[in-house]
Amino acid sequence: MEKIKMPEELKREIRFSDIYVSVKQFIPDVKYTELKIAMDEVDLDELFTKAMERVKVREWRGEPIGRARTAAEVRKAHGLDKNDLAYLVYVDDRPVLFQPHNPFNPLESKLTRGNIERVMEEHRKRVAFSLMRRDLTDVVVQHILRYREESGERR
């Protein structure tokens, strides 16, 4: 898969202080400079691309999901009319979410033919970003440990 550029609005959600707190759980004596060097080495677009590969979304086609045995049971459980749209989010080919409305805009909460593709792609990016943030901590920790090993620093 070609590398996907992480949207700038998502990059702005990465807070150095959050990463610091996460990394401190693994490396309690981490120094600011080590964290800065490690963060500068991380290719966020590559991490985001790997996360995007793990996330799939598709429009719900009326099949039973979860414990519901029929589409009618699914519709009833989620308050959907016969013609209402919904979609499914998968991570690593496992269904993780049934989404019967637009979670990003309360003024445009109903999914329509005009917005469902855009909403599904936004949701895919958000889920991938969440996965990427978890991976980011691991990658930063690995960079710091490698840096310490290469510099001969013992802890």
N, C-alpha and C. Protein backbone atom coordinates (compact mmCIF):
# COMPACT_ATOMS: atom_id res chain seq x y z
N MET A 1 0.84 -1.18 0.00
CA MET A 1 0.00 0.00 0.00
C MET A 1 0.88 1.24 0.00
N GLU A 2 0.49 2.21 -0.79
CA GLU A 2 1.21 3.48 -0.84
C GLU A 2 1.07 4.22 0.49
N LYS A 3 2.12 4.90 0.90
CA LYS A 3 2.09 5.61 2.18
C LYS A 3 1.00 6.68 2.17
N ILE A 4 0.23 6.70 3.25
CA ILE A 4 -0.87 7.66 3.39
C ILE A 4 -0.40 8.80 4.30
N LYS A 5 -0.59 10.01 3.86
CA LYS A 5 -0.23 11.17 4.67
C LYS A 5 -1.27 11.36 5.77
N MET A 6 -0.79 11.39 7.00
CA MET A 6 -1.71 11.61 8.11
C MET A 6 -2.27 13.02 8.05
N PRO A 7 -3.60 13.17 8.17
CA PRO A 7 -4.19 14.51 8.14
C PRO A 7 -3.61 15.41 9.23
N GLU A 8 -3.37 16.65 8.89
CA GLU A 8 -2.76 17.61 9.82
C GLU A 8 -3.61 17.78 11.09
N GLU A 9 -4.94 17.74 10.95
CA GLU A 9 -5.78 17.91 12.14
C GLU A 9 -5.58 16.77 13.12
N LEU A 10 -5.23 15.58 12.63
CA LEU A 10 -4.94 14.47 13.53
C LEU A 10 -3.54 14.61 14.12
N LYS A 11 -2.58 15.07 13.32
CA LYS A 11 -1.23 15.28 13.85
C LYS A 11 -1.25 16.26 15.01
N ARG A 12 -2.10 17.26 14.92
CA ARG A 12 -2.18 18.26 15.99
C ARG A 12 -2.73 17.67 17.28
N GLU A 13 -3.37 16.52 17.19
CA GLU A 13 -3.91 15.87 18.40
C GLU A 13 -2.85 15.09 19.16
N ILE A 14 -1.67 14.92 18.58
CA ILE A 14 -0.59 14.22 19.27
C ILE A 14 0.10 15.23 20.18
N ARG A 15 -0.03 15.00 21.46
CA ARG A 15 0.55 15.90 22.45
C ARG A 15 1.83 15.27 23.01
N PHE A 16 2.90 16.04 22.97
CA PHE A 16 4.18 15.58 23.48
C PHE A 16 4.02 15.12 24.93
N SER A 17 3.25 15.87 25.71
CA SER A 17 3.08 15.54 27.13
C SER A 17 2.37 14.19 27.30
N ASP A 18 1.43 13.86 26.43
CA ASP A 18 0.75 12.56 26.50
C ASP A 18 1.72 11.42 26.20
N ILE A 19 2.56 11.63 25.19
CA ILE A 19 3.54 10.61 24.83
C ILE A 19 4.53 10.44 25.98
N TYR A 20 4.93 11.55 26.58
CA TYR A 20 5.86 11.51 27.71
C TYR A 20 5.29 10.65 28.84
N VAL A 21 4.02 10.89 29.19
CA VAL A 21 3.37 10.12 30.26
C VAL A 21 3.33 8.63 29.90
N SER A 22 2.99 8.32 28.66
CA SER A 22 2.92 6.92 28.22
C SER A 22 4.29 6.26 28.27
N VAL A 23 5.30 6.96 27.79
CA VAL A 23 6.65 6.40 27.75
C VAL A 23 7.18 6.20 29.16
N LYS A 24 6.87 7.10 30.07
CA LYS A 24 7.34 6.98 31.46
C LYS A 24 6.84 5.71 32.14
N GLN A 25 5.75 5.16 31.66
CA GLN A 25 5.26 3.90 32.22
C GLN A 25 6.23 2.76 31.91
N PHE A 26 6.96 2.87 30.83
CA PHE A 26 7.92 1.83 30.42
C PHE A 26 9.35 2.20 30.79
N ILE A 27 9.65 3.51 30.73
CA ILE A 27 10.99 4.00 31.04
C ILE A 27 10.84 5.15 32.04
N PRO A 28 10.77 4.82 33.33
CA PRO A 28 10.49 5.85 34.35
C PRO A 28 11.49 7.01 34.37
N ASP A 29 12.73 6.75 33.96
CA ASP A 29 13.74 7.82 34.02
C ASP A 29 13.98 8.47 32.66
N VAL A 30 13.02 8.40 31.76
CA VAL A 30 13.19 8.98 30.43
C VAL A 30 13.47 10.48 30.54
N LYS A 31 14.39 10.94 29.71
CA LYS A 31 14.74 12.36 29.69
C LYS A 31 14.02 13.04 28.53
N TYR A 32 13.77 14.30 28.69
CA TYR A 32 13.10 15.10 27.66
C TYR A 32 13.86 14.99 26.34
N THR A 33 15.18 15.11 26.40
CA THR A 33 15.97 15.08 25.17
C THR A 33 15.86 13.73 24.46
N GLU A 34 15.84 12.65 25.23
CA GLU A 34 15.68 11.32 24.63
C GLU A 34 14.34 11.22 23.91
N LEU A 35 13.31 11.70 24.57
CA LEU A 35 11.98 11.65 23.99
C LEU A 35 11.91 12.50 22.73
N LYS A 36 12.51 13.67 22.77
CA LYS A 36 12.51 14.55 21.60
C LYS A 36 13.22 13.90 20.42
N ILE A 37 14.38 13.30 20.68
CA ILE A 37 15.14 12.63 19.61
C ILE A 37 14.31 11.48 19.04
N ALA A 38 13.72 10.68 19.90
CA ALA A 38 12.93 9.53 19.45
C ALA A 38 11.72 9.98 18.65
N MET A 39 11.03 11.00 19.12
CA MET A 39 9.84 11.50 18.41
C MET A 39 10.23 12.03 17.03
N ASP A 40 11.37 12.68 16.93
CA ASP A 40 11.83 13.21 15.64
C ASP A 40 12.15 12.10 14.65
N GLU A 41 12.51 10.91 15.15
CA GLU A 41 12.86 9.79 14.28
C GLU A 41 11.63 9.03 13.76
N VAL A 42 10.50 9.21 14.41
CA VAL A 42 9.31 8.44 14.05
C VAL A 42 8.67 8.99 12.78
N ASP A 43 8.36 8.09 11.87
CA ASP A 43 7.65 8.44 10.64
C ASP A 43 6.16 8.25 10.91
N LEU A 44 5.48 9.33 11.27
CA LEU A 44 4.06 9.25 11.60
C LEU A 44 3.22 8.78 10.43
N ASP A 45 3.58 9.20 9.23
CA ASP A 45 2.82 8.77 8.05
C ASP A 45 2.91 7.25 7.86
N GLU A 46 4.07 6.69 8.12
CA GLU A 46 4.24 5.24 7.99
C GLU A 46 3.39 4.51 9.04
N LEU A 47 3.44 4.99 10.28
CA LEU A 47 2.62 4.38 11.33
C LEU A 47 1.13 4.49 11.00
N PHE A 48 0.73 5.64 10.49
CA PHE A 48 -0.67 5.86 10.14
C PHE A 48 -1.08 4.94 8.99
N THR A 49 -0.21 4.78 8.02
CA THR A 49 -0.50 3.89 6.89
C THR A 49 -0.71 2.46 7.38
N LYS A 50 0.16 1.98 8.26
CA LYS A 50 0.01 0.63 8.80
C LYS A 50 -1.31 0.49 9.56
N ALA A 51 -1.68 1.50 10.31
CA ALA A 51 -2.94 1.45 11.05
C ALA A 51 -4.13 1.47 10.10
N MET A 52 -4.04 2.29 9.05
CA MET A 52 -5.14 2.35 8.06
C MET A 52 -5.34 1.00 7.38
N GLU A 53 -4.26 0.26 7.17
CA GLU A 53 -4.37 -1.06 6.56
C GLU A 53 -5.16 -2.03 7.44
N ARG A 54 -5.15 -1.79 8.73
CA ARG A 54 -5.84 -2.68 9.68
C ARG A 54 -7.33 -2.38 9.79
N VAL A 55 -7.74 -1.18 9.35
CA VAL A 55 -9.13 -0.74 9.54
C VAL A 55 -9.89 -0.76 8.22
N LYS A 56 -11.03 -1.37 8.26
CA LYS A 56 -11.92 -1.39 7.09
C LYS A 56 -13.30 -0.92 7.54
N VAL A 57 -14.01 -0.28 6.64
CA VAL A 57 -15.40 0.09 6.90
C VAL A 57 -16.22 -0.31 5.69
N ARG A 58 -17.45 -0.70 5.93
CA ARG A 58 -18.33 -1.01 4.82
C ARG A 58 -19.77 -0.74 5.23
N GLU A 59 -20.54 -0.43 4.25
CA GLU A 59 -21.95 -0.16 4.49
C GLU A 59 -22.65 -1.44 4.93
N TRP A 60 -23.52 -1.32 5.90
CA TRP A 60 -24.31 -2.46 6.37
C TRP A 60 -25.32 -2.83 5.29
N ARG A 61 -25.36 -4.12 4.97
CA ARG A 61 -26.23 -4.60 3.90
C ARG A 61 -27.48 -5.30 4.41
N GLY A 62 -27.81 -5.10 5.66
CA GLY A 62 -29.03 -5.68 6.19
C GLY A 62 -28.86 -7.08 6.76
N GLU A 63 -27.62 -7.53 6.91
CA GLU A 63 -27.42 -8.86 7.46
C GLU A 63 -27.50 -8.82 8.99
N PRO A 64 -27.82 -9.95 9.62
CA PRO A 64 -27.83 -10.00 11.08
C PRO A 64 -26.42 -9.75 11.62
N ILE A 65 -26.33 -9.10 12.75
CA ILE A 65 -25.03 -8.86 13.38
C ILE A 65 -25.15 -9.11 14.87
N GLY A 66 -24.05 -9.46 15.49
CA GLY A 66 -24.06 -9.71 16.93
C GLY A 66 -25.04 -10.82 17.28
N ARG A 67 -25.85 -10.57 18.29
CA ARG A 67 -26.82 -11.57 18.73
C ARG A 67 -28.13 -11.49 17.97
N ALA A 68 -28.28 -10.45 17.17
CA ALA A 68 -29.51 -10.30 16.37
C ALA A 68 -29.54 -11.38 15.30
N ARG A 69 -30.67 -12.03 15.17
CA ARG A 69 -30.79 -13.11 14.19
C ARG A 69 -31.32 -12.63 12.85
N THR A 70 -31.90 -11.42 12.83
CA THR A 70 -32.46 -10.89 11.59
C THR A 70 -32.13 -9.40 11.48
N ALA A 71 -32.26 -8.89 10.25
CA ALA A 71 -32.06 -7.45 10.03
C ALA A 71 -33.11 -6.66 10.81
N ALA A 72 -34.32 -7.18 10.91
CA ALA A 72 -35.38 -6.49 11.65
C ALA A 72 -34.99 -6.31 13.12
N GLU A 73 -34.34 -7.32 13.70
CA GLU A 73 -33.89 -7.20 15.09
C GLU A 73 -32.80 -6.13 15.22
N VAL A 74 -31.91 -6.07 14.25
CA VAL A 74 -30.85 -5.06 14.27
C VAL A 74 -31.49 -3.68 14.18
N ARG A 75 -32.40 -3.50 13.23
CA ARG A 75 -33.07 -2.21 13.05
C ARG A 75 -33.80 -1.79 14.31
N LYS A 76 -34.51 -2.73 14.92
CA LYS A 76 -35.27 -2.42 16.14
C LYS A 76 -34.33 -2.01 17.27
N ALA A 77 -33.25 -2.75 17.44
CA ALA A 77 -32.30 -2.47 18.52
C ALA A 77 -31.67 -1.08 18.38
N HIS A 78 -31.54 -0.61 17.14
CA HIS A 78 -30.87 0.68 16.91
C HIS A 78 -31.84 1.78 16.48
N GLY A 79 -33.14 1.48 16.51
CA GLY A 79 -34.13 2.49 16.15
C GLY A 79 -34.06 2.91 14.69
N LEU A 80 -33.77 1.97 13.82
CA LEU A 80 -33.63 2.29 12.40
C LEU A 80 -34.90 1.94 11.63
N ASP A 81 -35.26 2.81 10.68
CA ASP A 81 -36.34 2.50 9.75
C ASP A 81 -35.77 1.59 8.66
N LYS A 82 -36.66 1.03 7.86
CA LYS A 82 -36.26 0.09 6.81
C LYS A 82 -35.24 0.68 5.83
N ASN A 83 -35.35 1.96 5.51
CA ASN A 83 -34.46 2.58 4.52
C ASN A 83 -33.28 3.32 5.14
N ASP A 84 -33.14 3.30 6.47
CA ASP A 84 -32.01 3.98 7.11
C ASP A 84 -30.71 3.24 6.81
N LEU A 85 -29.64 4.00 6.73
CA LEU A 85 -28.31 3.46 6.43
C LEU A 85 -27.50 3.33 7.71
N ALA A 86 -26.53 2.43 7.68
CA ALA A 86 -25.59 2.24 8.77
C ALA A 86 -24.33 1.62 8.16
N TYR A 87 -23.28 1.56 8.96
CA TYR A 87 -22.06 0.93 8.48
C TYR A 87 -21.37 0.17 9.60
N LEU A 88 -20.44 -0.68 9.20
CA LEU A 88 -19.66 -1.49 10.13
C LEU A 88 -18.20 -1.10 10.05
N VAL A 89 -17.54 -1.11 11.21
CA VAL A 89 -16.10 -0.83 11.29
C VAL A 89 -15.43 -2.13 11.71
N TYR A 90 -14.38 -2.49 10.99
CA TYR A 90 -13.61 -3.70 11.27
C TYR A 90 -12.17 -3.32 11.59
N VAL A 91 -11.59 -3.99 12.57
CA VAL A 91 -10.16 -3.87 12.85
C VAL A 91 -9.59 -5.28 12.78
N ASP A 92 -8.57 -5.45 11.98
CA ASP A 92 -7.96 -6.76 11.77
C ASP A 92 -9.01 -7.79 11.37
N ASP A 93 -9.90 -7.37 10.48
CA ASP A 93 -10.96 -8.22 9.93
C ASP A 93 -12.00 -8.68 10.95
N ARG A 94 -12.04 -8.05 12.10
CA ARG A 94 -13.05 -8.37 13.11
C ARG A 94 -14.00 -7.17 13.24
N PRO A 95 -15.30 -7.43 13.24
CA PRO A 95 -16.22 -6.31 13.42
C PRO A 95 -16.11 -5.76 14.84
N VAL A 96 -15.93 -4.44 14.93
CA VAL A 96 -15.79 -3.81 16.25
C VAL A 96 -16.89 -2.78 16.53
N LEU A 97 -17.59 -2.35 15.47
CA LEU A 97 -18.59 -1.31 15.69
C LEU A 97 -19.65 -1.32 14.60
N PHE A 98 -20.89 -1.23 15.03
CA PHE A 98 -22.02 -0.99 14.12
C PHE A 98 -22.39 0.46 14.32
N GLN A 99 -22.35 1.25 13.26
CA GLN A 99 -22.58 2.70 13.37
C GLN A 99 -23.84 3.10 12.62
N PRO A 100 -24.94 3.39 13.35
CA PRO A 100 -26.20 3.73 12.70
C PRO A 100 -26.43 5.22 12.45
N HIS A 101 -25.45 6.07 12.81
CA HIS A 101 -25.60 7.51 12.58
C HIS A 101 -24.22 8.15 12.40
N ASN A 102 -24.22 9.41 12.01
CA ASN A 102 -22.98 10.16 11.82
C ASN A 102 -22.46 10.59 13.20
N PRO A 103 -21.35 10.04 13.64
CA PRO A 103 -20.84 10.40 14.97
C PRO A 103 -20.08 11.72 15.01
N PHE A 104 -19.88 12.34 13.87
CA PHE A 104 -19.05 13.54 13.81
C PHE A 104 -19.83 14.84 13.69
N ASN A 105 -21.11 14.77 13.41
CA ASN A 105 -21.90 15.98 13.23
C ASN A 105 -23.31 15.77 13.74
N PRO A 106 -23.62 16.26 14.94
CA PRO A 106 -24.96 16.06 15.49
C PRO A 106 -26.05 16.75 14.67
N LEU A 107 -25.69 17.74 13.88
CA LEU A 107 -26.67 18.43 13.04
C LEU A 107 -26.97 17.64 11.76
N GLU A 108 -26.09 16.69 11.45
CA GLU A 108 -26.24 15.85 10.26
C GLU A 108 -26.09 14.39 10.70
N SER A 109 -26.86 14.00 11.72
CA SER A 109 -26.64 12.68 12.32
C SER A 109 -27.16 11.53 11.46
N LYS A 110 -28.14 11.79 10.62
CA LYS A 110 -28.69 10.73 9.78
C LYS A 110 -27.72 10.43 8.63
N LEU A 111 -27.46 9.15 8.45
CA LEU A 111 -26.61 8.74 7.34
C LEU A 111 -27.46 8.69 6.07
N THR A 112 -26.92 9.30 5.01
CA THR A 112 -27.64 9.37 3.73
C THR A 112 -26.69 8.93 2.61
N ARG A 113 -27.24 8.74 1.44
CA ARG A 113 -26.39 8.42 0.27
C ARG A 113 -25.40 9.56 0.03
N GLY A 114 -25.77 10.77 0.42
CA GLY A 114 -24.89 11.92 0.19
C GLY A 114 -23.75 12.06 1.17
N ASN A 115 -23.83 11.41 2.35
CA ASN A 115 -22.77 11.60 3.33
C ASN A 115 -22.11 10.32 3.83
N ILE A 116 -22.68 9.17 3.54
CA ILE A 116 -22.17 7.94 4.17
C ILE A 116 -20.73 7.62 3.79
N GLU A 117 -20.34 7.81 2.55
CA GLU A 117 -18.95 7.51 2.15
C GLU A 117 -17.96 8.41 2.89
N ARG A 118 -18.28 9.69 2.96
CA ARG A 118 -17.40 10.64 3.66
C ARG A 118 -17.31 10.31 5.15
N VAL A 119 -18.45 9.99 5.77
CA VAL A 119 -18.48 9.67 7.20
C VAL A 119 -17.71 8.38 7.47
N MET A 120 -17.90 7.37 6.63
CA MET A 120 -17.18 6.11 6.81
C MET A 120 -15.67 6.32 6.73
N GLU A 121 -15.22 7.12 5.76
CA GLU A 121 -13.78 7.35 5.61
C GLU A 121 -13.23 8.15 6.80
N GLU A 122 -13.99 9.12 7.27
CA GLU A 122 -13.56 9.87 8.46
C GLU A 122 -13.45 8.94 9.67
N HIS A 123 -14.41 8.06 9.81
CA HIS A 123 -14.40 7.13 10.94
C HIS A 123 -13.21 6.17 10.82
N ARG A 124 -12.94 5.72 9.63
CA ARG A 124 -11.77 4.84 9.40
C ARG A 124 -10.49 5.55 9.83
N LYS A 125 -10.35 6.81 9.44
CA LYS A 125 -9.16 7.57 9.82
C LYS A 125 -9.05 7.74 11.32
N ARG A 126 -10.17 8.00 11.98
CA ARG A 126 -10.16 8.19 13.44
C ARG A 126 -9.80 6.91 14.17
N VAL A 127 -10.34 5.79 13.73
CA VAL A 127 -10.01 4.51 14.35
C VAL A 127 -8.53 4.18 14.10
N ALA A 128 -8.06 4.39 12.89
CA ALA A 128 -6.65 4.15 12.56
C ALA A 128 -5.75 5.05 13.42
N PHE A 129 -6.15 6.28 13.61
CA PHE A 129 -5.36 7.21 14.43
C PHE A 129 -5.26 6.69 15.86
N SER A 130 -6.35 6.18 16.38
CA SER A 130 -6.35 5.62 17.73
C SER A 130 -5.39 4.44 17.83
N LEU A 131 -5.41 3.57 16.85
CA LEU A 131 -4.48 2.43 16.82
C LEU A 131 -3.04 2.92 16.69
N MET A 132 -2.83 3.92 15.84
CA MET A 132 -1.50 4.46 15.61
C MET A 132 -0.92 5.07 16.88
N ARG A 133 -1.75 5.73 17.67
CA ARG A 133 -1.25 6.34 18.91
C ARG A 133 -0.72 5.29 19.86
N ARG A 134 -1.38 4.14 19.91
CA ARG A 134 -0.88 3.04 20.76
C ARG A 134 0.47 2.55 20.25
N ASP A 135 0.57 2.39 18.94
CA ASP A 135 1.82 1.93 18.33
C ASP A 135 2.93 2.97 18.51
N LEU A 136 2.57 4.23 18.50
CA LEU A 136 3.55 5.30 18.63
C LEU A 136 4.34 5.17 19.92
N THR A 137 3.67 4.90 21.02
CA THR A 137 4.37 4.75 22.29
C THR A 137 5.38 3.61 22.20
N ASP A 138 4.97 2.48 21.64
CA ASP A 138 5.88 1.34 21.51
C ASP A 138 7.11 1.70 20.67
N VAL A 139 6.89 2.39 19.57
CA VAL A 139 7.98 2.76 18.67
C VAL A 139 8.93 3.74 19.37
N VAL A 140 8.38 4.70 20.08
CA VAL A 140 9.22 5.67 20.79
C VAL A 140 10.05 4.98 21.87
N VAL A 141 9.42 4.07 22.61
CA VAL A 141 10.16 3.32 23.63
C VAL A 141 11.30 2.54 22.99
N GLN A 142 11.03 1.88 21.87
CA GLN A 142 12.08 1.11 21.17
C GLN A 142 13.22 2.03 20.72
N HIS A 143 12.88 3.21 20.20
CA HIS A 143 13.92 4.17 19.77
C HIS A 143 14.79 4.58 20.96
N ILE A 144 14.16 4.88 22.09
CA ILE A 144 14.92 5.33 23.26
C ILE A 144 15.83 4.21 23.77
N LEU A 145 15.30 3.00 23.84
CA LEU A 145 16.11 1.88 24.33
C LEU A 145 17.28 1.61 23.38
N ARG A 146 17.03 1.70 22.07
CA ARG A 146 18.10 1.51 21.09
C ARG A 146 19.15 2.63 21.23
N TYR A 147 18.66 3.86 21.39
CA TYR A 147 19.56 5.01 21.56
C TYR A 147 20.45 4.81 22.79
N ARG A 148 19.84 4.36 23.89
CA ARG A 148 20.62 4.14 25.11
C ARG A 148 21.65 3.02 24.92
N GLU A 149 21.23 1.97 24.24
CA GLU A 149 22.15 0.85 24.00
C GLU A 149 23.32 1.29 23.12
N GLU A 150 23.02 2.03 22.07
CA GLU A 150 24.07 2.49 21.15
C GLU A 150 25.02 3.47 21.81
N SER A 151 24.50 4.27 22.72
CA SER A 151 25.36 5.27 23.37
C SER A 151 26.07 4.67 24.58
N GLY A 152 25.79 3.39 24.89
CA GLY A 152 26.46 2.73 26.00
C GLY A 152 25.88 3.08 27.34
N GLU A 153 24.75 3.75 27.34
CA GLU A 153 24.12 4.14 28.58
C GLU A 153 23.48 2.93 29.23
N ARG A 154 23.75 2.74 30.49
CA ARG A 154 23.18 1.61 31.24
C ARG A 154 22.18 2.15 32.25
N ARG A 155 21.10 1.45 32.37
CA ARG A 155 20.05 1.84 33.33
C ARG A 155 19.76 0.66 34.21
